Amino acid sequence: MYSLKVQGAFSSAHNLRGYKGKCEDLHGHNWLVEIVIKSAQLDDIGMVLDFKYLKKKLNVCLERMDHKYLNKLVYFKKINPTSENIAKYIYDQLKPSISWLSCVTVWENSASSANYEE
């Protein structure tokens, strides 16, 4: 099995509804996002997918959240914008155009991350 990983980043603000503590207040993060693609096969030139293609798809997705208040995005009006839900949101956005998408990891800081995979 082959695995490819690419990373991207975005900055945004959010607050967690129903949370008791600092995160219930408006605050921001410089998010790091990693996507993993897995495939058992390579194409005719020996690649799973072109890194350039993966980075472009990821960056288009992340641009929708960059410098935004996540709670105001349609997806997060009812779903709490936790790291876990942000990872699932990114996965759901990318899966239609990247069929071999395996996992999305979202870091809100260098020591804390959440994964989503099906």
N, C-alpha and C. Protein backbone atom coordinates (compact mmCIF):
# COMPACT_ATOMS: atom_id res chain seq x y z
N MET A 1 0.85 -1.18 0.00
CA MET A 1 0.00 0.00 0.00
C MET A 1 0.89 1.24 0.00
N TYR A 2 0.55 2.19 -0.85
CA TYR A 2 1.28 3.46 -0.93
C TYR A 2 0.50 4.53 -0.19
N SER A 3 1.22 5.43 0.48
CA SER A 3 0.60 6.56 1.17
C SER A 3 1.28 7.85 0.71
N LEU A 4 0.48 8.85 0.45
CA LEU A 4 0.97 10.19 0.16
C LEU A 4 0.41 11.12 1.22
N LYS A 5 1.22 12.11 1.60
CA LYS A 5 0.77 13.12 2.57
C LYS A 5 1.12 14.49 2.03
N VAL A 6 0.17 15.42 2.16
CA VAL A 6 0.46 16.83 1.90
C VAL A 6 -0.14 17.63 3.04
N GLN A 7 0.44 18.81 3.24
CA GLN A 7 -0.02 19.68 4.32
C GLN A 7 -0.39 21.05 3.78
N GLY A 8 -1.28 21.69 4.50
CA GLY A 8 -1.66 23.06 4.22
C GLY A 8 -1.98 23.73 5.54
N ALA A 9 -2.28 25.01 5.48
CA ALA A 9 -2.54 25.76 6.71
C ALA A 9 -3.57 26.85 6.44
N PHE A 10 -4.27 27.22 7.50
CA PHE A 10 -5.18 28.36 7.44
C PHE A 10 -5.29 28.96 8.84
N SER A 11 -5.71 30.20 8.89
CA SER A 11 -5.92 30.89 10.16
C SER A 11 -7.40 31.23 10.27
N SER A 12 -7.97 31.00 11.43
CA SER A 12 -9.39 31.33 11.61
C SER A 12 -9.69 31.47 13.10
N ALA A 13 -10.88 31.98 13.34
CA ALA A 13 -11.37 32.12 14.71
C ALA A 13 -12.59 31.23 14.90
N HIS A 14 -12.84 30.86 16.14
CA HIS A 14 -14.05 30.10 16.47
C HIS A 14 -14.28 30.20 17.96
N ASN A 15 -15.43 29.73 18.38
CA ASN A 15 -15.68 29.49 19.80
C ASN A 15 -16.53 28.23 19.89
N LEU A 16 -16.38 27.52 20.98
CA LEU A 16 -17.07 26.24 21.15
C LEU A 16 -18.33 26.44 21.97
N ARG A 17 -19.46 26.14 21.35
CA ARG A 17 -20.75 26.24 22.03
C ARG A 17 -20.89 25.10 23.03
N GLY A 18 -21.39 25.39 24.21
CA GLY A 18 -21.62 24.36 25.22
C GLY A 18 -20.38 23.95 25.98
N TYR A 19 -19.25 24.56 25.71
CA TYR A 19 -17.99 24.23 26.38
C TYR A 19 -17.81 25.17 27.56
N LYS A 20 -17.38 24.65 28.68
CA LYS A 20 -17.11 25.48 29.85
C LYS A 20 -15.61 25.63 30.02
N GLY A 21 -15.11 26.80 29.74
CA GLY A 21 -13.68 27.07 29.82
C GLY A 21 -13.30 28.12 28.80
N LYS A 22 -12.02 28.32 28.63
CA LYS A 22 -11.52 29.38 27.75
C LYS A 22 -12.02 29.26 26.31
N CYS A 23 -12.20 28.04 25.83
CA CYS A 23 -12.57 27.85 24.43
C CYS A 23 -14.01 28.24 24.12
N GLU A 24 -14.80 28.54 25.15
CA GLU A 24 -16.15 29.02 24.87
C GLU A 24 -16.12 30.47 24.38
N ASP A 25 -15.02 31.17 24.63
CA ASP A 25 -14.86 32.54 24.16
C ASP A 25 -14.23 32.54 22.77
N LEU A 26 -14.50 33.59 22.03
CA LEU A 26 -13.92 33.75 20.71
C LEU A 26 -12.39 33.74 20.80
N HIS A 27 -11.76 32.90 19.98
CA HIS A 27 -10.31 32.81 19.93
C HIS A 27 -9.90 32.26 18.56
N GLY A 28 -8.63 32.32 18.25
CA GLY A 28 -8.18 31.88 16.94
C GLY A 28 -7.04 30.89 17.00
N HIS A 29 -6.80 30.26 15.86
CA HIS A 29 -5.71 29.30 15.70
C HIS A 29 -5.08 29.48 14.33
N ASN A 30 -3.82 29.11 14.25
CA ASN A 30 -3.16 28.90 12.98
C ASN A 30 -3.15 27.40 12.76
N TRP A 31 -4.14 26.91 12.05
CA TRP A 31 -4.37 25.49 11.87
C TRP A 31 -3.41 24.90 10.86
N LEU A 32 -2.91 23.71 11.14
CA LEU A 32 -2.14 22.92 10.19
C LEU A 32 -2.99 21.71 9.82
N VAL A 33 -3.07 21.41 8.54
CA VAL A 33 -3.91 20.31 8.07
C VAL A 33 -3.06 19.37 7.21
N GLU A 34 -3.20 18.09 7.47
CA GLU A 34 -2.52 17.07 6.68
C GLU A 34 -3.56 16.12 6.12
N ILE A 35 -3.43 15.81 4.83
CA ILE A 35 -4.29 14.79 4.25
C ILE A 35 -3.42 13.61 3.82
N VAL A 36 -3.99 12.42 3.91
CA VAL A 36 -3.29 11.19 3.54
C VAL A 36 -4.11 10.49 2.47
N ILE A 37 -3.42 10.10 1.41
CA ILE A 37 -4.02 9.36 0.31
C ILE A 37 -3.38 7.97 0.32
N LYS A 38 -4.20 6.92 0.15
CA LYS A 38 -3.66 5.56 0.11
C LYS A 38 -4.17 4.85 -1.13
N SER A 39 -3.26 4.10 -1.73
CA SER A 39 -3.62 3.31 -2.91
C SER A 39 -2.68 2.11 -3.01
N ALA A 40 -3.22 1.02 -3.49
CA ALA A 40 -2.40 -0.17 -3.72
C ALA A 40 -1.74 -0.14 -5.09
N GLN A 41 -2.16 0.80 -5.95
CA GLN A 41 -1.65 0.82 -7.31
C GLN A 41 -1.05 2.18 -7.67
N LEU A 42 -0.14 2.14 -8.61
CA LEU A 42 0.46 3.34 -9.17
C LEU A 42 -0.02 3.50 -10.61
N ASP A 43 0.05 4.72 -11.12
CA ASP A 43 -0.32 4.94 -12.52
C ASP A 43 0.84 4.53 -13.44
N ASP A 44 0.70 4.83 -14.71
CA ASP A 44 1.69 4.41 -15.72
C ASP A 44 3.08 5.00 -15.51
N ILE A 45 3.16 6.14 -14.81
CA ILE A 45 4.48 6.74 -14.59
C ILE A 45 4.99 6.51 -13.17
N GLY A 46 4.27 5.70 -12.39
CA GLY A 46 4.75 5.33 -11.07
C GLY A 46 4.29 6.23 -9.94
N MET A 47 3.13 6.89 -10.11
CA MET A 47 2.60 7.78 -9.07
C MET A 47 1.21 7.33 -8.64
N VAL A 48 0.86 7.64 -7.39
CA VAL A 48 -0.53 7.48 -6.95
C VAL A 48 -1.31 8.67 -7.50
N LEU A 49 -0.93 9.86 -7.12
CA LEU A 49 -1.46 11.13 -7.63
C LEU A 49 -0.35 12.15 -7.58
N ASP A 50 -0.47 13.17 -8.36
CA ASP A 50 0.51 14.25 -8.38
C ASP A 50 0.36 15.10 -7.11
N PHE A 51 1.47 15.35 -6.40
CA PHE A 51 1.44 16.19 -5.20
C PHE A 51 0.84 17.56 -5.52
N LYS A 52 1.14 18.09 -6.68
CA LYS A 52 0.62 19.40 -7.08
C LYS A 52 -0.91 19.40 -7.10
N TYR A 53 -1.52 18.35 -7.64
CA TYR A 53 -2.96 18.21 -7.67
C TYR A 53 -3.54 18.16 -6.25
N LEU A 54 -2.91 17.37 -5.38
CA LEU A 54 -3.39 17.23 -4.00
C LEU A 54 -3.30 18.57 -3.25
N LYS A 55 -2.18 19.26 -3.40
CA LYS A 55 -2.01 20.54 -2.71
C LYS A 55 -3.02 21.57 -3.20
N LYS A 56 -3.29 21.56 -4.51
CA LYS A 56 -4.27 22.51 -5.05
C LYS A 56 -5.66 22.24 -4.48
N LYS A 57 -6.09 21.00 -4.47
CA LYS A 57 -7.40 20.65 -3.92
C LYS A 57 -7.50 21.02 -2.45
N LEU A 58 -6.44 20.72 -1.68
CA LEU A 58 -6.44 21.05 -0.26
C LEU A 58 -6.50 22.56 -0.07
N ASN A 59 -5.68 23.31 -0.80
CA ASN A 59 -5.65 24.76 -0.62
C ASN A 59 -6.96 25.43 -0.99
N VAL A 60 -7.65 24.93 -2.02
CA VAL A 60 -8.97 25.48 -2.36
C VAL A 60 -9.93 25.29 -1.20
N CYS A 61 -9.91 24.13 -0.58
CA CYS A 61 -10.76 23.86 0.58
C CYS A 61 -10.41 24.77 1.75
N LEU A 62 -9.14 24.90 2.04
CA LEU A 62 -8.71 25.69 3.20
C LEU A 62 -8.96 27.18 3.00
N GLU A 63 -8.94 27.65 1.76
CA GLU A 63 -9.21 29.07 1.48
C GLU A 63 -10.61 29.46 1.95
N ARG A 64 -11.55 28.52 1.92
CA ARG A 64 -12.92 28.80 2.36
C ARG A 64 -13.00 29.11 3.86
N MET A 65 -11.98 28.67 4.60
CA MET A 65 -11.97 28.86 6.05
C MET A 65 -10.94 29.88 6.51
N ASP A 66 -10.04 30.26 5.61
CA ASP A 66 -8.94 31.15 5.99
C ASP A 66 -9.45 32.54 6.34
N HIS A 67 -9.03 33.02 7.50
CA HIS A 67 -9.40 34.33 8.03
C HIS A 67 -10.91 34.50 8.14
N LYS A 68 -11.56 33.42 8.56
CA LYS A 68 -13.01 33.43 8.76
C LYS A 68 -13.32 33.12 10.22
N TYR A 69 -14.51 33.52 10.61
CA TYR A 69 -15.07 33.11 11.90
C TYR A 69 -15.85 31.84 11.60
N LEU A 70 -15.31 30.69 11.96
CA LEU A 70 -15.86 29.40 11.54
C LEU A 70 -17.31 29.21 11.95
N ASN A 71 -17.70 29.72 13.09
CA ASN A 71 -19.07 29.56 13.56
C ASN A 71 -20.09 30.14 12.59
N LYS A 72 -19.68 31.08 11.74
CA LYS A 72 -20.60 31.71 10.79
C LYS A 72 -20.71 30.96 9.47
N LEU A 73 -19.83 29.99 9.22
CA LEU A 73 -19.95 29.19 8.01
C LEU A 73 -21.16 28.27 8.13
N VAL A 74 -21.86 28.07 7.03
CA VAL A 74 -23.11 27.29 7.05
C VAL A 74 -22.93 25.94 7.76
N TYR A 75 -21.87 25.22 7.44
CA TYR A 75 -21.63 23.89 8.01
C TYR A 75 -21.56 23.93 9.53
N PHE A 76 -20.97 25.00 10.08
CA PHE A 76 -20.73 25.07 11.52
C PHE A 76 -21.78 25.88 12.28
N LYS A 77 -22.87 26.25 11.63
CA LYS A 77 -23.92 26.97 12.36
C LYS A 77 -24.60 26.05 13.37
N LYS A 78 -24.71 24.76 13.04
CA LYS A 78 -25.33 23.80 13.95
C LYS A 78 -24.32 22.80 14.50
N ILE A 79 -23.21 22.60 13.79
CA ILE A 79 -22.18 21.66 14.22
C ILE A 79 -21.06 22.47 14.87
N ASN A 80 -20.68 22.10 16.08
CA ASN A 80 -19.63 22.82 16.80
C ASN A 80 -18.31 22.75 16.02
N PRO A 81 -17.61 23.87 15.84
CA PRO A 81 -16.36 23.87 15.09
C PRO A 81 -15.16 23.38 15.91
N THR A 82 -15.27 22.15 16.41
CA THR A 82 -14.16 21.52 17.13
C THR A 82 -13.12 21.05 16.11
N SER A 83 -11.95 20.72 16.58
CA SER A 83 -10.92 20.17 15.68
C SER A 83 -11.43 18.90 14.99
N GLU A 84 -12.15 18.08 15.73
CA GLU A 84 -12.69 16.84 15.17
C GLU A 84 -13.65 17.13 14.02
N ASN A 85 -14.57 18.08 14.24
CA ASN A 85 -15.54 18.41 13.20
C ASN A 85 -14.92 19.15 12.02
N ILE A 86 -13.88 19.91 12.27
CA ILE A 86 -13.16 20.57 11.17
C ILE A 86 -12.48 19.51 10.30
N ALA A 87 -11.89 18.50 10.92
CA ALA A 87 -11.26 17.41 10.16
C ALA A 87 -12.30 16.69 9.30
N LYS A 88 -13.48 16.42 9.84
CA LYS A 88 -14.54 15.76 9.07
C LYS A 88 -15.03 16.66 7.95
N TYR A 89 -15.19 17.94 8.22
CA TYR A 89 -15.62 18.89 7.19
C TYR A 89 -14.64 18.87 6.01
N ILE A 90 -13.35 18.94 6.29
CA ILE A 90 -12.35 18.93 5.23
C ILE A 90 -12.40 17.61 4.47
N TYR A 91 -12.53 16.51 5.19
CA TYR A 91 -12.63 15.19 4.55
C TYR A 91 -13.83 15.17 3.59
N ASP A 92 -14.98 15.59 4.08
CA ASP A 92 -16.20 15.58 3.26
C ASP A 92 -16.07 16.48 2.03
N GLN A 93 -15.36 17.59 2.17
CA GLN A 93 -15.17 18.50 1.04
C GLN A 93 -14.24 17.90 -0.01
N LEU A 94 -13.23 17.16 0.42
CA LEU A 94 -12.22 16.64 -0.51
C LEU A 94 -12.55 15.28 -1.11
N LYS A 95 -13.28 14.47 -0.40
CA LYS A 95 -13.53 13.08 -0.83
C LYS A 95 -14.10 12.97 -2.25
N PRO A 96 -15.04 13.82 -2.67
CA PRO A 96 -15.57 13.68 -4.03
C PRO A 96 -14.51 13.84 -5.13
N SER A 97 -13.49 14.63 -4.90
CA SER A 97 -12.48 14.84 -5.94
C SER A 97 -11.18 14.07 -5.70
N ILE A 98 -11.06 13.45 -4.52
CA ILE A 98 -9.87 12.64 -4.21
C ILE A 98 -10.38 11.30 -3.66
N SER A 99 -10.66 10.39 -4.56
CA SER A 99 -11.32 9.14 -4.16
C SER A 99 -10.48 8.30 -3.21
N TRP A 100 -9.16 8.42 -3.25
CA TRP A 100 -8.29 7.63 -2.39
C TRP A 100 -7.97 8.32 -1.07
N LEU A 101 -8.71 9.37 -0.76
CA LEU A 101 -8.49 10.07 0.51
C LEU A 101 -8.70 9.11 1.66
N SER A 102 -7.73 9.03 2.54
CA SER A 102 -7.78 8.09 3.65
C SER A 102 -8.02 8.79 4.99
N CYS A 103 -7.34 9.91 5.21
CA CYS A 103 -7.36 10.52 6.54
C CYS A 103 -7.09 12.02 6.44
N VAL A 104 -7.74 12.77 7.31
CA VAL A 104 -7.46 14.20 7.47
C VAL A 104 -7.09 14.42 8.93
N THR A 105 -5.96 15.09 9.16
CA THR A 105 -5.53 15.45 10.50
C THR A 105 -5.47 16.97 10.59
N VAL A 106 -6.02 17.50 11.67
CA VAL A 106 -6.06 18.94 11.91
C VAL A 106 -5.37 19.23 13.23
N TRP A 107 -4.34 20.09 13.20
CA TRP A 107 -3.66 20.53 14.42
C TRP A 107 -4.10 21.94 14.74
N GLU A 108 -4.54 22.15 15.98
CA GLU A 108 -4.84 23.53 16.40
C GLU A 108 -3.63 24.18 17.05
N ASN A 109 -2.66 23.36 17.42
CA ASN A 109 -1.35 23.84 17.88
C ASN A 109 -0.37 22.68 17.71
N SER A 110 0.87 22.90 18.06
CA SER A 110 1.89 21.89 17.80
C SER A 110 1.74 20.61 18.63
N ALA A 111 0.90 20.63 19.65
CA ALA A 111 0.77 19.48 20.54
C ALA A 111 -0.60 18.83 20.52
N SER A 112 -1.56 19.39 19.76
CA SER A 112 -2.94 18.88 19.80
C SER A 112 -3.50 18.74 18.40
N SER A 113 -3.95 17.53 18.07
CA SER A 113 -4.52 17.29 16.74
C SER A 113 -5.69 16.34 16.83
N ALA A 114 -6.50 16.35 15.77
CA ALA A 114 -7.64 15.44 15.64
C ALA A 114 -7.60 14.84 14.23
N ASN A 115 -7.95 13.56 14.14
CA ASN A 115 -8.01 12.84 12.87
C ASN A 115 -9.45 12.54 12.51
N TYR A 116 -9.72 12.46 11.19
CA TYR A 116 -10.96 11.88 10.71
C TYR A 116 -10.62 10.95 9.56
N GLU A 117 -11.15 9.74 9.62
CA GLU A 117 -11.02 8.77 8.53
C GLU A 117 -12.24 7.88 8.55
N GLU A 118 -12.58 7.37 7.40
CA GLU A 118 -13.72 6.44 7.32
C GLU A 118 -13.22 5.02 7.33
